[in-house]
N, C-alpha and C. Protein backbone atom coordinates (compact mmCIF):
# COMPACT_ATOMS: atom_id res chain seq x y z
N UNK A 1 25.38 1.63 -16.99
CA UNK A 1 25.43 1.11 -15.36
C UNK A 1 26.40 -0.31 -15.52
N UNK A 2 27.11 -0.28 -14.48
CA UNK A 2 28.11 -1.65 -14.48
C UNK A 2 27.25 -2.79 -14.15
N UNK A 3 27.55 -3.89 -14.79
CA UNK A 3 26.73 -4.99 -14.57
C UNK A 3 27.22 -5.61 -13.19
N UNK A 4 28.21 -5.37 -12.53
CA UNK A 4 28.53 -5.84 -11.33
C UNK A 4 27.75 -5.05 -10.48
N UNK A 5 27.45 -3.89 -10.45
CA UNK A 5 26.71 -3.07 -9.56
C UNK A 5 25.25 -3.33 -9.71
N UNK A 6 24.79 -3.71 -10.75
CA UNK A 6 23.34 -4.22 -11.00
C UNK A 6 23.09 -5.58 -10.32
N UNK A 7 24.06 -6.25 -10.27
CA UNK A 7 24.01 -7.74 -9.48
C UNK A 7 24.12 -7.38 -8.09
N UNK A 8 24.83 -6.42 -7.55
CA UNK A 8 24.71 -6.13 -6.14
C UNK A 8 23.30 -5.50 -5.86
N UNK A 9 22.70 -4.64 -6.64
CA UNK A 9 21.46 -4.08 -6.37
C UNK A 9 20.47 -5.30 -6.31
N UNK A 10 20.54 -6.11 -7.17
CA UNK A 10 19.63 -7.28 -7.12
C UNK A 10 19.65 -8.17 -5.97
N UNK A 11 21.04 -8.30 -5.43
CA UNK A 11 21.13 -8.99 -4.15
C UNK A 11 20.69 -8.25 -3.03
N UNK A 12 20.92 -6.97 -3.12
CA UNK A 12 20.34 -6.19 -2.06
C UNK A 12 18.86 -6.16 -1.80
N UNK A 13 18.08 -6.29 -3.06
CA UNK A 13 16.61 -6.29 -2.85
C UNK A 13 16.27 -7.86 -2.52
N UNK A 14 17.05 -8.68 -2.92
CA UNK A 14 16.76 -10.11 -2.40
C UNK A 14 17.07 -10.16 -0.75
N UNK A 15 17.96 -9.34 -0.30
CA UNK A 15 18.20 -9.36 1.05
C UNK A 15 16.75 -8.93 1.75
N UNK A 16 16.14 -7.98 1.24
CA UNK A 16 14.95 -7.58 1.93
C UNK A 16 14.00 -8.69 2.11
N UNK A 17 13.71 -9.64 1.00
CA UNK A 17 12.86 -10.82 1.11
C UNK A 17 13.41 -11.81 2.35
N UNK A 18 14.66 -11.98 2.36
CA UNK A 18 15.32 -12.88 3.33
C UNK A 18 14.93 -12.25 4.86
N UNK A 19 15.21 -11.00 4.79
CA UNK A 19 14.86 -10.27 6.19
C UNK A 19 13.51 -10.72 6.56
N UNK A 20 12.44 -10.60 5.65
CA UNK A 20 11.09 -10.86 5.81
C UNK A 20 11.08 -12.24 6.23
N UNK A 21 11.78 -13.13 5.58
CA UNK A 21 11.40 -14.80 5.88
C UNK A 21 12.08 -14.97 7.06
N UNK A 22 13.36 -14.26 7.56
CA UNK A 22 13.74 -14.74 8.92
C UNK A 22 12.88 -14.33 10.08
N UNK A 23 12.58 -12.84 9.97
CA UNK A 23 11.76 -12.41 11.12
C UNK A 23 10.28 -13.23 11.04
N UNK A 24 9.79 -13.44 9.98
CA UNK A 24 8.56 -14.43 9.98
C UNK A 24 8.62 -15.71 10.33
N UNK A 25 9.60 -16.31 10.36
CA UNK A 25 9.98 -17.56 10.88
C UNK A 25 10.20 -17.66 12.29
N UNK A 26 10.85 -16.47 12.95
CA UNK A 26 10.93 -16.27 14.06
C UNK A 26 9.76 -16.09 14.85
N UNK A 27 9.03 -15.17 14.45
CA UNK A 27 7.68 -14.74 15.10
C UNK A 27 6.91 -15.86 15.16
N UNK A 28 6.69 -16.78 13.88
CA UNK A 28 5.86 -17.96 13.86
C UNK A 28 6.30 -19.06 15.10
N UNK A 29 7.48 -19.26 15.12
CA UNK A 29 8.03 -20.21 16.15
C UNK A 29 7.78 -19.74 17.57
N UNK A 30 7.70 -18.43 17.67
CA UNK A 30 7.70 -17.96 19.08
C UNK A 30 6.13 -17.99 19.51
N UNK A 31 5.43 -17.55 18.69
CA UNK A 31 4.13 -17.07 18.93
C UNK A 31 3.00 -18.07 18.58
N UNK A 32 3.05 -18.69 17.39
CA UNK A 32 2.12 -19.58 16.67
C UNK A 32 2.50 -20.92 16.57
N UNK A 33 3.65 -21.38 16.98
CA UNK A 33 3.88 -22.80 16.77
C UNK A 33 3.26 -23.64 17.68
N UNK A 34 2.52 -24.68 17.25
CA UNK A 34 1.96 -25.70 17.96
C UNK A 34 2.56 -26.91 17.55
N UNK A 35 2.79 -27.72 18.46
CA UNK A 35 3.32 -29.17 18.55
C UNK A 35 2.15 -30.10 17.86
N UNK A 36 2.27 -30.18 16.70
CA UNK A 36 1.23 -31.11 15.84
C UNK A 36 1.71 -32.48 15.54
N UNK A 37 2.92 -32.83 16.00
CA UNK A 37 3.47 -34.07 15.69
C UNK A 37 3.05 -35.27 16.53
N UNK A 38 2.22 -35.08 17.20
CA UNK A 38 1.62 -35.96 18.28
C UNK A 38 2.39 -36.13 19.52
N UNK A 39 1.85 -36.95 20.54
CA UNK A 39 2.55 -37.18 21.79
C UNK A 39 3.81 -37.75 22.01
N UNK A 40 4.32 -38.30 20.96
CA UNK A 40 5.85 -38.80 20.99
C UNK A 40 6.76 -37.90 20.47
N UNK A 41 6.40 -36.78 20.22
CA UNK A 41 7.23 -35.52 19.79
C UNK A 41 7.89 -34.98 20.91
N UNK A 42 9.31 -34.84 20.92
CA UNK A 42 10.28 -34.32 21.96
C UNK A 42 10.66 -32.90 21.54
N UNK A 43 9.61 -32.14 20.95
CA UNK A 43 10.03 -30.75 20.59
C UNK A 43 9.73 -30.03 21.89
N UNK A 44 10.73 -29.39 22.45
CA UNK A 44 10.57 -28.80 23.70
C UNK A 44 10.12 -27.27 23.46
N UNK A 45 9.32 -26.71 24.11
CA UNK A 45 8.68 -25.36 23.86
C UNK A 45 10.09 -24.24 24.24
N UNK A 46 10.88 -24.56 25.13
CA UNK A 46 12.14 -23.67 25.12
C UNK A 46 13.05 -23.77 24.06
N UNK A 47 13.11 -24.98 23.64
CA UNK A 47 14.13 -25.17 22.27
C UNK A 47 13.29 -24.34 21.07
N UNK A 48 11.92 -24.37 21.00
CA UNK A 48 11.43 -23.83 19.72
C UNK A 48 11.61 -22.13 20.12
N UNK A 49 11.50 -21.86 21.46
CA UNK A 49 11.58 -20.30 21.64
C UNK A 49 12.86 -19.90 21.44
N UNK A 50 14.01 -20.66 21.76
CA UNK A 50 15.44 -20.40 21.51
C UNK A 50 15.75 -20.28 20.03
N UNK A 51 15.18 -21.20 19.07
CA UNK A 51 15.56 -21.04 17.84
C UNK A 51 14.66 -20.09 17.12
N UNK A 52 13.57 -19.61 17.59
CA UNK A 52 12.60 -18.58 17.00
C UNK A 52 13.51 -17.25 17.42
N UNK A 53 13.97 -17.18 18.56
CA UNK A 53 14.56 -15.86 18.81
C UNK A 53 15.95 -15.88 18.00
N UNK A 54 16.60 -16.90 17.85
CA UNK A 54 17.78 -16.87 17.01
C UNK A 54 17.43 -16.30 15.38
N UNK A 55 16.36 -16.76 15.10
CA UNK A 55 15.85 -16.35 13.74
C UNK A 55 15.52 -14.77 13.69
N UNK A 56 14.81 -14.44 14.91
CA UNK A 56 14.75 -13.01 14.90
C UNK A 56 15.99 -12.08 15.03
N UNK A 57 16.84 -12.59 15.94
CA UNK A 57 18.03 -11.84 15.91
C UNK A 57 18.72 -11.69 14.67
N UNK A 58 18.96 -12.94 14.05
CA UNK A 58 19.58 -12.99 12.74
C UNK A 58 18.78 -11.85 11.78
N UNK A 59 17.63 -12.11 11.84
CA UNK A 59 16.69 -11.35 10.97
C UNK A 59 17.05 -9.70 11.00
N UNK A 60 17.13 -9.50 12.41
CA UNK A 60 17.46 -7.90 12.68
C UNK A 60 18.80 -7.60 12.16
N UNK A 61 19.63 -8.52 12.32
CA UNK A 61 21.22 -8.36 11.70
C UNK A 61 21.12 -8.11 10.29
N UNK A 62 20.44 -9.20 9.72
CA UNK A 62 20.29 -8.92 8.28
C UNK A 62 19.54 -7.73 7.67
N UNK A 63 18.71 -7.17 8.66
CA UNK A 63 17.91 -5.74 8.18
C UNK A 63 18.94 -4.81 8.24
N UNK A 64 19.70 -4.71 9.23
CA UNK A 64 20.81 -3.68 9.42
C UNK A 64 21.61 -3.74 8.41
N UNK A 65 22.39 -4.85 8.07
CA UNK A 65 23.17 -4.71 6.85
C UNK A 65 22.61 -4.57 5.51
N UNK A 66 21.45 -5.02 5.35
CA UNK A 66 20.72 -4.87 4.01
C UNK A 66 20.52 -3.52 3.74
N UNK A 67 19.99 -2.73 4.92
CA UNK A 67 19.77 -1.43 4.95
C UNK A 67 20.90 -0.62 4.49
N UNK A 68 22.01 -0.95 5.11
CA UNK A 68 23.23 -0.24 4.81
C UNK A 68 23.70 -0.51 3.24
N UNK A 69 23.41 -1.71 2.96
CA UNK A 69 23.95 -1.92 1.55
C UNK A 69 23.00 -1.29 0.35
N UNK A 70 21.72 -1.19 0.90
CA UNK A 70 20.79 -0.32 -0.12
C UNK A 70 21.04 1.00 -0.11
N UNK A 71 21.25 1.61 0.92
CA UNK A 71 21.77 3.00 1.01
C UNK A 71 22.92 3.39 0.14
N UNK A 72 23.99 2.41 0.46
CA UNK A 72 25.36 2.64 -0.43
C UNK A 72 24.91 2.42 -1.95
N UNK A 73 24.37 1.43 -2.45
CA UNK A 73 24.00 1.27 -3.69
C UNK A 73 23.08 1.98 -4.34
N UNK A 74 22.02 2.59 -3.73
CA UNK A 74 20.91 3.11 -4.48
C UNK A 74 21.00 4.73 -4.14
N UNK A 75 21.53 5.19 -3.15
CA UNK A 75 21.42 6.62 -2.74
C UNK A 75 22.82 7.37 -2.71
N UNK A 76 23.97 6.66 -2.65
CA UNK A 76 25.23 7.27 -2.65
C UNK A 76 25.63 7.22 -4.25
N UNK A 77 25.97 8.34 -4.74
CA UNK A 77 26.78 8.18 -6.02
C UNK A 77 28.39 8.45 -6.03
N UNK A 78 28.73 7.54 -6.88
CA UNK A 78 30.33 7.64 -7.05
C UNK A 78 30.66 8.48 -8.30
N UNK A 79 31.79 8.89 -8.21
CA UNK A 79 32.05 9.65 -9.35
C UNK A 79 32.59 8.53 -10.57
N UNK A 80 32.81 7.30 -10.37
CA UNK A 80 32.84 6.51 -11.34
C UNK A 80 31.38 6.12 -12.12
N UNK A 81 30.42 6.30 -11.36
CA UNK A 81 29.30 6.09 -11.96
C UNK A 81 28.53 7.08 -13.11
N UNK A 82 29.44 8.32 -13.12
CA UNK A 82 28.99 9.58 -14.26
C UNK A 82 29.47 9.00 -15.41
N UNK A 83 28.41 9.14 -16.53
CA UNK A 83 28.85 8.58 -17.89
C UNK A 83 29.09 9.94 -18.65
N UNK A 84 30.15 9.88 -19.53
CA UNK A 84 30.69 10.81 -20.34
C UNK A 84 29.82 10.87 -21.58
N UNK A 85 29.07 12.00 -21.86
CA UNK A 85 28.43 12.28 -22.95
C UNK A 85 28.93 13.03 -24.13
């Protein structure tokens, strides 16, 4: 197996964890975030929702691109991958 392909596969698996992270942060910000910084904090609920929505949309984009990358690297075989015995 080509070392370059192995690194691409590792990066694709890492992409799964990043998708989980982005979606998790987005869901947390939208549904579970509480302003615990005191009364003087200027964190607006609309701004938190906007940032959370951005995390969710980017997480969905990363999920789509990671899915395509995993299908390409793990389930489609190229002729160059065949080894001569």
